[in-house]
Amino acid sequence: MEHYILTFRAPLKTLLAREELIRTLELTIPHIQLHSFDLDDKQFIMRIKSLDRVEDEIQARLLELGHRVAFISSNSISTALGA
């Protein structure tokens, strides 16, 4: 099965609200899950695992909640069944 890791750059306020935001995203886009949230060189990087390329939908939902994120990349990954 193929999944995508969608990578976004996010501001500090998004990092601080990440649990609430991910819960909200998971309710509105059920096939996503937080993959990681990293602090690299003072840039906050959010990676979300998804079955589809839904970066536009994620950005729109976060913007509705007052959080502007910048889409960086999408990487396709293959997972074993049941993973």
Protein backbone atom coordinates (compact mmCIF):
# COMPACT_ATOMS: atom_id res chain seq x y z
CA MET A 1 0.00 0.00 0.00
CA GLU A 2 1.29 3.46 -0.86
CA HIS A 3 1.23 6.39 1.54
CA TYR A 4 2.55 9.92 1.37
CA ILE A 5 4.56 11.93 3.84
CA LEU A 6 3.51 15.55 3.38
CA THR A 7 6.00 18.06 4.76
CA PHE A 8 5.10 21.59 5.85
CA ARG A 9 6.98 24.47 7.44
CA ALA A 10 5.00 25.83 10.38
CA PRO A 11 5.30 28.81 12.75
CA LEU A 12 5.91 28.47 16.49
CA LYS A 13 2.23 29.03 17.37
CA THR A 14 1.35 25.97 15.25
CA LEU A 15 3.97 23.90 17.06
CA LEU A 16 2.50 24.92 20.40
CA ALA A 17 -1.04 23.95 19.31
CA ARG A 18 -0.04 20.79 17.42
CA GLU A 19 -2.04 18.27 19.50
CA GLU A 20 -5.30 20.20 19.10
CA LEU A 21 -4.64 20.87 15.41
CA ILE A 22 -3.81 17.25 14.59
CA ARG A 23 -6.93 16.05 16.42
CA THR A 24 -9.02 18.49 14.39
CA LEU A 25 -7.32 17.47 11.13
CA GLU A 26 -7.80 13.77 11.89
CA LEU A 27 -11.55 14.37 12.41
CA THR A 28 -11.96 16.25 9.12
CA ILE A 29 -9.48 14.18 7.06
CA PRO A 30 -9.70 10.70 8.66
CA HIS A 31 -6.92 8.98 6.71
CA ILE A 32 -4.11 11.22 7.99
CA GLN A 33 -1.91 11.01 11.05
CA LEU A 34 0.94 13.06 12.46
CA HIS A 35 4.22 11.52 11.41
CA SER A 36 6.59 13.97 13.14
CA PHE A 37 6.99 17.54 14.28
CA ASP A 38 10.61 18.68 14.30
CA LEU A 39 12.55 21.76 15.24
CA ASP A 40 15.33 21.97 12.63
CA ASP A 41 17.54 25.07 12.53
CA LYS A 42 14.80 27.15 14.18
CA GLN A 43 12.32 26.09 11.50
CA PHE A 44 9.38 24.00 12.62
CA ILE A 45 8.75 21.11 10.27
CA MET A 46 5.48 19.15 10.40
CA ARG A 47 5.22 15.82 8.59
CA ILE A 48 1.84 14.19 8.08
CA LYS A 49 1.25 10.65 6.80
CA SER A 50 -1.66 10.33 4.38
CA LEU A 51 -3.19 7.89 1.91
CA ASP A 52 -3.60 10.73 -0.61
CA ARG A 53 -2.01 14.01 -1.61
CA VAL A 54 -4.19 16.29 0.52
CA GLU A 55 -1.74 19.12 1.17
CA ASP A 56 -4.20 21.75 -0.12
CA GLU A 57 -6.94 20.47 2.17
CA ILE A 58 -4.57 20.42 5.17
CA GLN A 59 -3.43 23.98 4.45
CA ALA A 60 -7.04 25.18 4.06
CA ARG A 61 -8.17 23.54 7.34
CA LEU A 62 -5.21 24.95 9.26
CA LEU A 63 -5.81 28.40 7.80
CA GLU A 64 -9.44 28.23 8.96
CA LEU A 65 -8.03 27.62 12.45
CA GLY A 66 -5.70 30.61 12.14
CA HIS A 67 -2.51 28.72 11.26
CA ARG A 68 -0.69 29.39 8.01
CA VAL A 69 1.73 26.63 6.97
CA ALA A 70 3.90 26.35 3.88
CA PHE A 71 3.88 23.11 1.89
CA ILE A 72 7.44 21.88 1.23
CA SER A 73 7.26 18.41 -0.28
CA SER A 74 5.48 15.11 -0.71
CA ASN A 75 7.29 11.79 -0.55
CA SER A 76 5.69 8.52 -1.54
CA ILE A 77 6.36 5.55 0.74
CA SER A 78 5.31 1.94 0.39
CA THR A 79 4.10 0.07 3.45
CA ALA A 80 3.42 -3.59 4.00
CA LEU A 81 -0.20 -4.64 4.41
CA GLY A 82 -1.39 -3.97 7.91
CA ALA A 83 1.38 -1.44 8.62
